[in-house]
Amino acid sequence: MVIAESAVDDAAARVFARAHRGGELFRKAEALGYLALLREAGGEGPGWTFVPAQPLFDAGRHGAAGGEWLFRVGLWVPREHREEFLAWYEQEHLPILLECPLWDGCRFVEVEDATGCRFIALHQLADQAALSSPERARSRATPWFARLKQFPWFDEPFTRVLYRRVGPA
């Protein structure tokens, strides 16, 4: 998988989508900016940044079967905490989120980072109201979450951006 991001205008995003068929294209919900999920890099796009990503796990419905909202969470984790973090995300956090009827699914990928482990969670939502659901609150109120929260790299430094599907790329 390749994640492409850009702050191009709508017309340039349409040109990019025509040149990169077979992927998914999302627009930032509250600002100008696009994110495309592509099977492979193949070609270029002026003004676009391409980041190869290694899929680690997924759950629920995603891609064309998932909701129109994409909640992208960027997570940096020190190497020595990689295994515990991944276990927490896959075994506890994500299953609780998926109990919400509006939380369709997630693809969890890793990208290269020389300073630690960099992950991107690509959550697909049927409605952005999933972000204020009781299930999301509960997923952030467990003993395991609290144990990880003691580390300065956990939670607050994570980046979160909401996108809405505009069509296939």
C-alpha atoms as a PDB file:
ATOM      1  CA  MET A   1       0.000   0.000   0.000  1.00  0.00           C
ATOM      2  CA  VAL A   2       1.105   3.565  -0.675  1.00  0.00           C
ATOM      3  CA  ILE A   3      -0.327   6.567   1.151  1.00  0.00           C
ATOM      4  CA  ALA A   4      -0.263   9.763  -0.897  1.00  0.00           C
ATOM      5  CA  GLU A   5      -0.994  13.140   0.675  1.00  0.00           C
ATOM      6  CA  SER A   6      -1.279  16.618  -0.792  1.00  0.00           C
ATOM      7  CA  ALA A   7      -2.625  20.113  -0.263  1.00  0.00           C
ATOM      8  CA  VAL A   8      -3.483  20.523  -3.957  1.00  0.00           C
ATOM      9  CA  ASP A   9      -6.743  22.137  -5.021  1.00  0.00           C
ATOM     10  CA  ASP A  10      -9.833  20.180  -6.072  1.00  0.00           C
ATOM     11  CA  ALA A  11      -9.033  20.350  -9.806  1.00  0.00           C
ATOM     12  CA  ALA A  12      -5.512  18.950  -9.267  1.00  0.00           C
ATOM     13  CA  ALA A  13      -6.936  16.193  -7.046  1.00  0.00           C
ATOM     14  CA  ARG A  14      -9.305  15.158  -9.851  1.00  0.00           C
ATOM     15  CA  VAL A  15      -6.353  14.970 -12.281  1.00  0.00           C
ATOM     16  CA  PHE A  16      -4.450  12.854  -9.750  1.00  0.00           C
ATOM     17  CA  ALA A  17      -7.449  10.538  -9.293  1.00  0.00           C
ATOM     18  CA  ARG A  18      -7.726   9.960 -13.047  1.00  0.00           C
ATOM     19  CA  ALA A  19      -4.003   9.100 -13.208  1.00  0.00           C
ATOM     20  CA  HIS A  20      -4.141   6.687 -10.231  1.00  0.00           C
ATOM     21  CA  ARG A  21      -7.119   4.422 -10.820  1.00  0.00           C
ATOM     22  CA  GLY A  22      -7.819   1.589  -8.395  1.00  0.00           C
ATOM     23  CA  GLY A  23      -7.234   3.462  -5.142  1.00  0.00           C
ATOM     24  CA  GLU A  24      -9.331   5.535  -2.767  1.00  0.00           C
ATOM     25  CA  LEU A  25      -9.406   9.323  -2.512  1.00  0.00           C
ATOM     26  CA  PHE A  26     -10.398  11.315   0.588  1.00  0.00           C
ATOM     27  CA  ARG A  27     -10.580  15.092   1.215  1.00  0.00           C
ATOM     28  CA  LYS A  28      -9.853  16.689   4.588  1.00  0.00           C
ATOM     29  CA  ALA A  29     -13.089  17.469   6.388  1.00  0.00           C
ATOM     30  CA  GLU A  30     -12.137  20.941   7.605  1.00  0.00           C
ATOM     31  CA  ALA A  31      -9.308  22.159   5.372  1.00  0.00           C
ATOM     32  CA  LEU A  32      -7.855  21.800   1.919  1.00  0.00           C
ATOM     33  CA  GLY A  33      -5.926  18.586   1.599  1.00  0.00           C
ATOM     34  CA  TYR A  34      -6.228  15.095   0.200  1.00  0.00           C
ATOM     35  CA  LEU A  35      -5.198  11.583   1.122  1.00  0.00           C
ATOM     36  CA  ALA A  36      -5.116   8.756  -1.401  1.00  0.00           C
ATOM     37  CA  LEU A  37      -4.722   5.076  -0.589  1.00  0.00           C
ATOM     38  CA  LEU A  38      -3.056   3.348  -3.522  1.00  0.00           C
ATOM     39  CA  ARG A  39      -2.108  -0.254  -4.203  1.00  0.00           C
ATOM     40  CA  GLU A  40       1.281   0.839  -5.547  1.00  0.00           C
ATOM     41  CA  ALA A  41       3.108   4.079  -6.280  1.00  0.00           C
ATOM     42  CA  GLY A  42       2.965   3.822 -10.096  1.00  0.00           C
ATOM     43  CA  GLY A  43       3.404   7.274 -11.584  1.00  0.00           C
ATOM     44  CA  GLU A  44       3.827  10.634 -10.018  1.00  0.00           C
ATOM     45  CA  GLY A  45       1.710  13.521  -8.952  1.00  0.00           C
ATOM     46  CA  PRO A  46       3.129  17.035  -8.659  1.00  0.00           C
ATOM     47  CA  GLY A  47       2.510  18.317  -5.160  1.00  0.00           C
ATOM     48  CA  TRP A  48       1.907  14.828  -3.738  1.00  0.00           C
ATOM     49  CA  THR A  49       4.000  12.964  -1.159  1.00  0.00           C
ATOM     50  CA  PHE A  50       4.087   9.173  -1.525  1.00  0.00           C
ATOM     51  CA  VAL A  51       4.809   6.989   1.515  1.00  0.00           C
ATOM     52  CA  PRO A  52       5.071   3.188   1.158  1.00  0.00           C
ATOM     53  CA  ALA A  53       3.251   1.429   4.002  1.00  0.00           C
ATOM     54  CA  GLN A  54       3.410  -2.180   5.175  1.00  0.00           C
ATOM     55  CA  PRO A  55       0.000  -3.554   6.244  1.00  0.00           C
ATOM     56  CA  LEU A  56       0.180  -5.131   9.727  1.00  0.00           C
ATOM     57  CA  PHE A  57      -3.465  -5.993  10.461  1.00  0.00           C
ATOM     58  CA  ASP A  58      -7.007  -4.986   9.656  1.00  0.00           C
ATOM     59  CA  ALA A  59     -10.483  -5.568  11.001  1.00  0.00           C
ATOM     60  CA  GLY A  60     -14.067  -4.811  10.039  1.00  0.00           C
ATOM     61  CA  ARG A  61     -15.129  -3.206   6.767  1.00  0.00           C
ATOM     62  CA  HIS A  62     -12.741  -0.913   4.934  1.00  0.00           C
ATOM     63  CA  GLY A  63     -11.965   0.166   1.411  1.00  0.00           C
ATOM     64  CA  ALA A  64     -15.029   0.442  -0.816  1.00  0.00           C
ATOM     65  CA  ALA A  65     -17.026  -1.594   1.750  1.00  0.00           C
ATOM     66  CA  GLY A  66     -16.231   0.865   4.553  1.00  0.00           C
ATOM     67  CA  GLY A  67     -17.880   4.141   5.427  1.00  0.00           C
ATOM     68  CA  GLU A  68     -17.268   7.435   3.689  1.00  0.00           C
ATOM     69  CA  TRP A  69     -15.298   8.932   6.600  1.00  0.00           C
ATOM     70  CA  LEU A  70     -11.604   8.164   7.114  1.00  0.00           C
ATOM     71  CA  PHE A  71     -10.012   8.956  10.479  1.00  0.00           C
ATOM     72  CA  ARG A  72      -6.233   8.881  10.005  1.00  0.00           C
ATOM     73  CA  VAL A  73      -4.204   8.494  13.178  1.00  0.00           C
ATOM     74  CA  GLY A  74      -0.418   8.860  12.975  1.00  0.00           C
ATOM     75  CA  LEU A  75       1.410   7.116  15.816  1.00  0.00           C
ATOM     76  CA  TRP A  76       5.093   7.128  16.706  1.00  0.00           C
ATOM     77  CA  VAL A  77       6.251   4.505  19.218  1.00  0.00           C
ATOM     78  CA  PRO A  78       9.765   3.803  20.578  1.00  0.00           C
ATOM     79  CA  ARG A  79      11.097   0.480  19.323  1.00  0.00           C
ATOM     80  CA  GLU A  80      11.234  -0.987  22.835  1.00  0.00           C
ATOM     81  CA  HIS A  81       7.456  -0.516  23.203  1.00  0.00           C
ATOM     82  CA  ARG A  82       6.486  -1.798  19.738  1.00  0.00           C
ATOM     83  CA  GLU A  83       5.180  -5.235  20.720  1.00  0.00           C
ATOM     84  CA  GLU A  84       3.106  -4.081  23.697  1.00  0.00           C
ATOM     85  CA  PHE A  85       1.658  -1.164  21.719  1.00  0.00           C
ATOM     86  CA  LEU A  86       0.657  -3.379  18.789  1.00  0.00           C
ATOM     87  CA  ALA A  87      -0.871  -5.950  21.141  1.00  0.00           C
ATOM     88  CA  TRP A  88      -2.908  -3.228  22.893  1.00  0.00           C
ATOM     89  CA  TYR A  89      -4.127  -1.756  19.608  1.00  0.00           C
ATOM     90  CA  GLU A  90      -5.058  -5.047  17.958  1.00  0.00           C
ATOM     91  CA  GLN A  91      -6.340  -6.999  20.981  1.00  0.00           C
ATOM     92  CA  GLU A  92      -8.075  -4.307  23.032  1.00  0.00           C
ATOM     93  CA  HIS A  93      -8.399  -0.845  21.491  1.00  0.00           C
ATOM     94  CA  LEU A  94      -9.617  -1.766  18.009  1.00  0.00           C
ATOM     95  CA  PRO A  95     -12.105  -4.467  19.109  1.00  0.00           C
ATOM     96  CA  ILE A  96     -13.754  -1.970  21.485  1.00  0.00           C
ATOM     97  CA  LEU A  97     -13.977   0.659  18.730  1.00  0.00           C
ATOM     98  CA  LEU A  98     -15.581  -1.875  16.390  1.00  0.00           C
ATOM     99  CA  GLU A  99     -18.393  -2.434  18.884  1.00  0.00           C
ATOM    100  CA  CYS A 100     -19.685   0.990  17.773  1.00  0.00           C
ATOM    101  CA  PRO A 101     -22.171   0.486  14.909  1.00  0.00           C
ATOM    102  CA  LEU A 102     -20.756   3.591  13.190  1.00  0.00           C
ATOM    103  CA  TRP A 103     -17.136   2.367  13.350  1.00  0.00           C
ATOM    104  CA  ASP A 104     -16.818   0.263  10.204  1.00  0.00           C
ATOM    105  CA  GLY A 105     -13.231  -0.930  10.224  1.00  0.00           C
ATOM    106  CA  CYS A 106      -9.537  -0.176  10.272  1.00  0.00           C
ATOM    107  CA  ARG A 107      -6.362  -0.866   8.342  1.00  0.00           C
ATOM    108  CA  PHE A 108      -3.222  -0.583  10.455  1.00  0.00           C
ATOM    109  CA  VAL A 109       0.063  -0.033   8.614  1.00  0.00           C
ATOM    110  CA  GLU A 110       3.707   0.681   9.402  1.00  0.00           C
ATOM    111  CA  VAL A 111       5.953   3.126   7.547  1.00  0.00           C
ATOM    112  CA  GLU A 112       9.724   3.493   7.732  1.00  0.00           C
ATOM    113  CA  ASP A 113      11.134   5.673  10.487  1.00  0.00           C
ATOM    114  CA  ALA A 114      14.799   5.739  11.512  1.00  0.00           C
ATOM    115  CA  THR A 115      13.990   6.978  15.030  1.00  0.00           C
ATOM    116  CA  GLY A 116      11.413   4.397  16.129  1.00  0.00           C
ATOM    117  CA  CYS A 117       8.228   2.761  14.892  1.00  0.00           C
ATOM    118  CA  ARG A 118       5.765   4.839  12.898  1.00  0.00           C
ATOM    119  CA  PHE A 119       2.273   3.505  12.385  1.00  0.00           C
ATOM    120  CA  ILE A 120      -0.823   4.828  10.660  1.00  0.00           C
ATOM    121  CA  ALA A 121      -4.299   3.680  11.632  1.00  0.00           C
ATOM    122  CA  LEU A 122      -6.810   4.204   8.823  1.00  0.00           C
ATOM    123  CA  HIS A 123     -10.209   3.972  10.483  1.00  0.00           C
ATOM    124  CA  GLN A 124     -13.314   4.012   8.305  1.00  0.00           C
ATOM    125  CA  LEU A 125     -16.490   5.375   9.822  1.00  0.00           C
ATOM    126  CA  ALA A 126     -20.099   5.316   8.645  1.00  0.00           C
ATOM    127  CA  ASP A 127     -20.549   8.680  10.379  1.00  0.00           C
ATOM    128  CA  GLN A 128     -18.170  11.094  12.069  1.00  0.00           C
ATOM    129  CA  ALA A 129     -20.335  10.786  15.201  1.00  0.00           C
ATOM    130  CA  ALA A 130     -18.363   7.566  15.880  1.00  0.00           C
ATOM    131  CA  LEU A 131     -15.576   9.808  17.182  1.00  0.00           C
ATOM    132  CA  SER A 132     -17.741  10.883  20.134  1.00  0.00           C
ATOM    133  CA  SER A 133     -19.256   7.445  20.751  1.00  0.00           C
ATOM    134  CA  PRO A 134     -19.362   5.707  24.147  1.00  0.00           C
ATOM    135  CA  GLU A 135     -17.264   2.905  22.649  1.00  0.00           C
ATOM    136  CA  ARG A 136     -14.444   5.304  21.767  1.00  0.00           C
ATOM    137  CA  ALA A 137     -14.561   6.776  25.272  1.00  0.00           C
ATOM    138  CA  ARG A 138     -14.454   3.266  26.745  1.00  0.00           C
ATOM    139  CA  SER A 139     -11.505   2.290  24.514  1.00  0.00           C
ATOM    140  CA  ARG A 140      -9.558   5.154  26.125  1.00  0.00           C
ATOM    141  CA  ALA A 141     -10.530   4.304  29.724  1.00  0.00           C
ATOM    142  CA  THR A 142      -9.051   0.845  30.237  1.00  0.00           C
ATOM    143  CA  PRO A 143      -6.225  -0.146  32.601  1.00  0.00           C
ATOM    144  CA  TRP A 144      -4.038  -1.021  29.597  1.00  0.00           C
ATOM    145  CA  PHE A 145      -4.630   2.439  28.071  1.00  0.00           C
ATOM    146  CA  ALA A 146      -3.790   4.040  31.444  1.00  0.00           C
ATOM    147  CA  ARG A 147      -0.553   2.029  31.679  1.00  0.00           C
ATOM    148  CA  LEU A 148       0.557   3.199  28.215  1.00  0.00           C
ATOM    149  CA  LYS A 149      -0.596   6.753  28.937  1.00  0.00           C
ATOM    150  CA  GLN A 150       2.218   7.143  31.483  1.00  0.00           C
ATOM    151  CA  PHE A 151       4.685   7.423  28.567  1.00  0.00           C
ATOM    152  CA  PRO A 152       5.182  10.889  27.010  1.00  0.00           C
ATOM    153  CA  TRP A 153       5.009   9.466  23.460  1.00  0.00           C
ATOM    154  CA  PHE A 154       1.521   8.020  23.983  1.00  0.00           C
ATOM    155  CA  ASP A 155      -1.775   9.646  22.933  1.00  0.00           C
ATOM    156  CA  GLU A 156      -1.258  13.449  22.895  1.00  0.00           C
ATOM    157  CA  PRO A 157       1.564  13.375  20.310  1.00  0.00           C
ATOM    158  CA  PHE A 158      -0.492  11.197  17.943  1.00  0.00           C
ATOM    159  CA  THR A 159      -1.790  13.088  14.912  1.00  0.00           C
ATOM    160  CA  ARG A 160      -5.465  12.815  14.016  1.00  0.00           C
ATOM    161  CA  VAL A 161      -7.076  13.992  10.775  1.00  0.00           C
ATOM    162  CA  LEU A 162     -10.622  13.394   9.554  1.00  0.00           C
ATOM    163  CA  TYR A 163     -11.251  12.955   5.813  1.00  0.00           C
ATOM    164  CA  ARG A 164     -14.350  12.293   3.705  1.00  0.00           C
ATOM    165  CA  ARG A 165     -14.367  10.038   0.642  1.00  0.00           C
ATOM    166  CA  VAL A 166     -14.628  11.890  -2.650  1.00  0.00           C
ATOM    167  CA  GLY A 167     -14.352   8.851  -4.866  1.00  0.00           C
ATOM    168  CA  PRO A 168     -12.017   6.240  -6.182  1.00  0.00           C
ATOM    169  CA  ALA A 169      -8.510   7.354  -7.078  1.00  0.00           C
END
